[in-house]
Amino acid sequence: MRFLALKLTAFILLCLLPFLGVLRLALAGHPALLAVYALMSLLAAGLYWHDKRRATVQGQRIPERLLHGVELLGGWPGALLAQQLFRHKTRKVSYQLVFWLIVALHQAFWFDQVIFAGQHLGITF
């Protein structure tokens, strides 16, 4: 895999803010979000694997809106790993645009939660 160290570093940095936010909430008595991120990431990776398999044999594909829905519900870390591991959905610009918007949305949410304790968005846990 090309640029493995760079990709791992970028992945860790992208996951740092959500991890800190989830950790803060877990310590405040809300541990369920950690499980949500883990389960959605596993589901996303499985869906990507299945879709890649289906793409190679011309089978029924998984709708992109389902993949994006799982990413939006917290599965983007698993989706990002699966994209790299399976070399799937990495070249389709329209797909990547929506994917990175979802990642940016999660980053913005967790930035607000970690830095401002949710005061700016009005969402606090």
Protein backbone atom coordinates (compact mmCIF):
# COMPACT_ATOMS: atom_id res chain seq x y z
CA MET A 1 0.00 0.00 0.00
CA ARG A 2 1.45 3.32 -1.08
CA PHE A 3 2.15 5.99 1.52
CA LEU A 4 1.07 3.74 4.39
CA ALA A 5 2.69 5.83 7.13
CA LEU A 6 1.11 9.03 5.79
CA LYS A 7 -2.32 7.41 5.47
CA LEU A 8 -2.16 5.97 9.00
CA THR A 9 -1.09 9.33 10.40
CA ALA A 10 -3.95 11.10 8.61
CA PHE A 11 -6.41 8.46 9.84
CA ILE A 12 -5.25 8.83 13.44
CA LEU A 13 -5.46 12.63 13.25
CA LEU A 14 -8.98 12.48 11.77
CA CYS A 15 -10.10 10.11 14.53
CA LEU A 16 -8.48 12.07 17.36
CA LEU A 17 -11.14 14.76 17.79
CA PRO A 18 -14.12 12.34 17.67
CA PHE A 19 -12.28 10.00 20.04
CA LEU A 20 -11.65 12.80 22.53
CA GLY A 21 -15.29 13.87 22.30
CA VAL A 22 -16.61 10.35 22.76
CA LEU A 23 -14.17 9.79 25.64
CA ARG A 24 -15.35 12.99 27.32
CA LEU A 25 -18.96 11.88 26.99
CA ALA A 26 -18.16 8.37 28.20
CA LEU A 27 -16.51 9.77 31.31
CA ALA A 28 -19.58 11.97 31.84
CA GLY A 29 -21.80 8.88 31.90
CA HIS A 30 -22.68 8.47 28.20
CA PRO A 31 -20.60 5.49 26.98
CA ALA A 32 -22.99 4.42 24.20
CA LEU A 33 -21.46 6.65 21.50
CA LEU A 34 -18.24 4.66 21.54
CA ALA A 35 -20.23 1.52 20.76
CA VAL A 36 -22.14 3.35 18.02
CA TYR A 37 -18.94 4.46 16.27
CA ALA A 38 -17.45 0.97 16.58
CA LEU A 39 -20.56 -0.84 15.32
CA MET A 40 -21.20 1.60 12.48
CA SER A 41 -17.54 1.39 11.42
CA LEU A 42 -17.69 -2.40 11.36
CA LEU A 43 -20.93 -2.25 9.40
CA ALA A 44 -19.45 0.26 6.94
CA ALA A 45 -16.36 -1.90 6.38
CA GLY A 46 -18.53 -4.96 5.82
CA LEU A 47 -20.76 -3.11 3.36
CA TYR A 48 -17.74 -1.83 1.44
CA TRP A 49 -16.28 -5.34 1.29
CA HIS A 50 -19.59 -6.76 0.06
CA ASP A 51 -20.04 -3.98 -2.51
CA LYS A 52 -16.49 -4.45 -3.81
CA ARG A 53 -17.10 -8.19 -4.18
CA ARG A 54 -20.34 -7.53 -6.02
CA ALA A 55 -18.66 -4.98 -8.27
CA THR A 56 -16.09 -7.55 -9.41
CA VAL A 57 -18.74 -10.13 -10.38
CA GLN A 58 -21.34 -7.70 -11.74
CA GLY A 59 -23.77 -8.49 -8.91
CA GLN A 60 -26.39 -6.36 -7.16
CA ARG A 61 -24.57 -3.35 -5.70
CA ILE A 62 -25.19 -1.62 -2.39
CA PRO A 63 -26.84 1.79 -2.93
CA GLU A 64 -24.47 4.69 -2.32
CA ARG A 65 -27.04 6.43 -0.12
CA LEU A 66 -26.96 3.40 2.23
CA LEU A 67 -23.17 3.59 2.41
CA HIS A 68 -23.35 7.33 3.08
CA GLY A 69 -26.09 6.80 5.68
CA VAL A 70 -23.90 4.40 7.63
CA GLU A 71 -21.00 6.83 7.36
CA LEU A 72 -23.19 9.65 8.64
CA LEU A 73 -24.30 7.54 11.61
CA GLY A 74 -20.67 7.22 12.73
CA GLY A 75 -19.25 4.63 10.36
CA TRP A 76 -16.94 6.96 8.47
CA PRO A 77 -13.74 5.66 10.19
CA GLY A 78 -14.52 2.11 9.06
CA ALA A 79 -15.49 3.38 5.63
CA LEU A 80 -12.22 5.26 5.28
CA LEU A 81 -10.22 2.18 6.23
CA ALA A 82 -12.28 -0.01 3.89
CA GLN A 83 -11.79 2.41 1.01
CA GLN A 84 -8.05 2.02 1.35
CA LEU A 85 -7.96 -1.71 2.13
CA PHE A 86 -10.33 -2.75 -0.66
CA ARG A 87 -9.42 0.08 -3.07
CA HIS A 88 -13.10 0.82 -3.41
CA LYS A 89 -14.93 4.10 -4.05
CA THR A 90 -11.65 6.02 -4.02
CA ARG A 91 -11.79 7.40 -7.56
CA LYS A 92 -15.43 8.37 -7.89
CA VAL A 93 -15.31 12.13 -7.28
CA SER A 94 -19.03 12.57 -6.55
CA TYR A 95 -18.88 9.81 -3.95
CA GLN A 96 -15.73 11.18 -2.35
CA LEU A 97 -17.22 14.67 -2.16
CA VAL A 98 -20.18 13.45 -0.11
CA PHE A 99 -17.94 11.19 1.99
CA TRP A 100 -15.58 14.04 2.92
CA LEU A 101 -18.51 16.34 3.68
CA ILE A 102 -19.72 13.71 6.15
CA VAL A 103 -16.25 13.52 7.72
CA ALA A 104 -16.13 17.34 7.94
CA LEU A 105 -19.56 17.38 9.58
CA HIS A 106 -18.37 14.94 12.24
CA GLN A 107 -15.20 16.97 12.76
CA ALA A 108 -17.18 20.19 13.18
CA PHE A 109 -19.59 18.56 15.62
CA TRP A 110 -16.80 17.12 17.77
CA PHE A 111 -14.77 20.33 17.60
CA ASP A 112 -17.78 22.13 19.06
CA GLN A 113 -18.30 19.44 21.69
CA VAL A 114 -14.66 19.25 22.77
CA ILE A 115 -13.65 22.92 22.55
CA PHE A 116 -16.89 24.71 23.39
CA ALA A 117 -18.82 21.93 25.19
CA GLY A 118 -21.60 22.19 22.59
CA GLN A 119 -22.51 25.79 23.42
CA HIS A 120 -22.24 27.10 19.85
CA LEU A 121 -24.39 24.43 18.23
CA GLY A 122 -26.74 24.24 21.18
CA ILE A 123 -26.20 20.48 21.45
CA THR A 124 -24.80 19.25 24.72
CA PHE A 125 -24.69 15.85 26.34
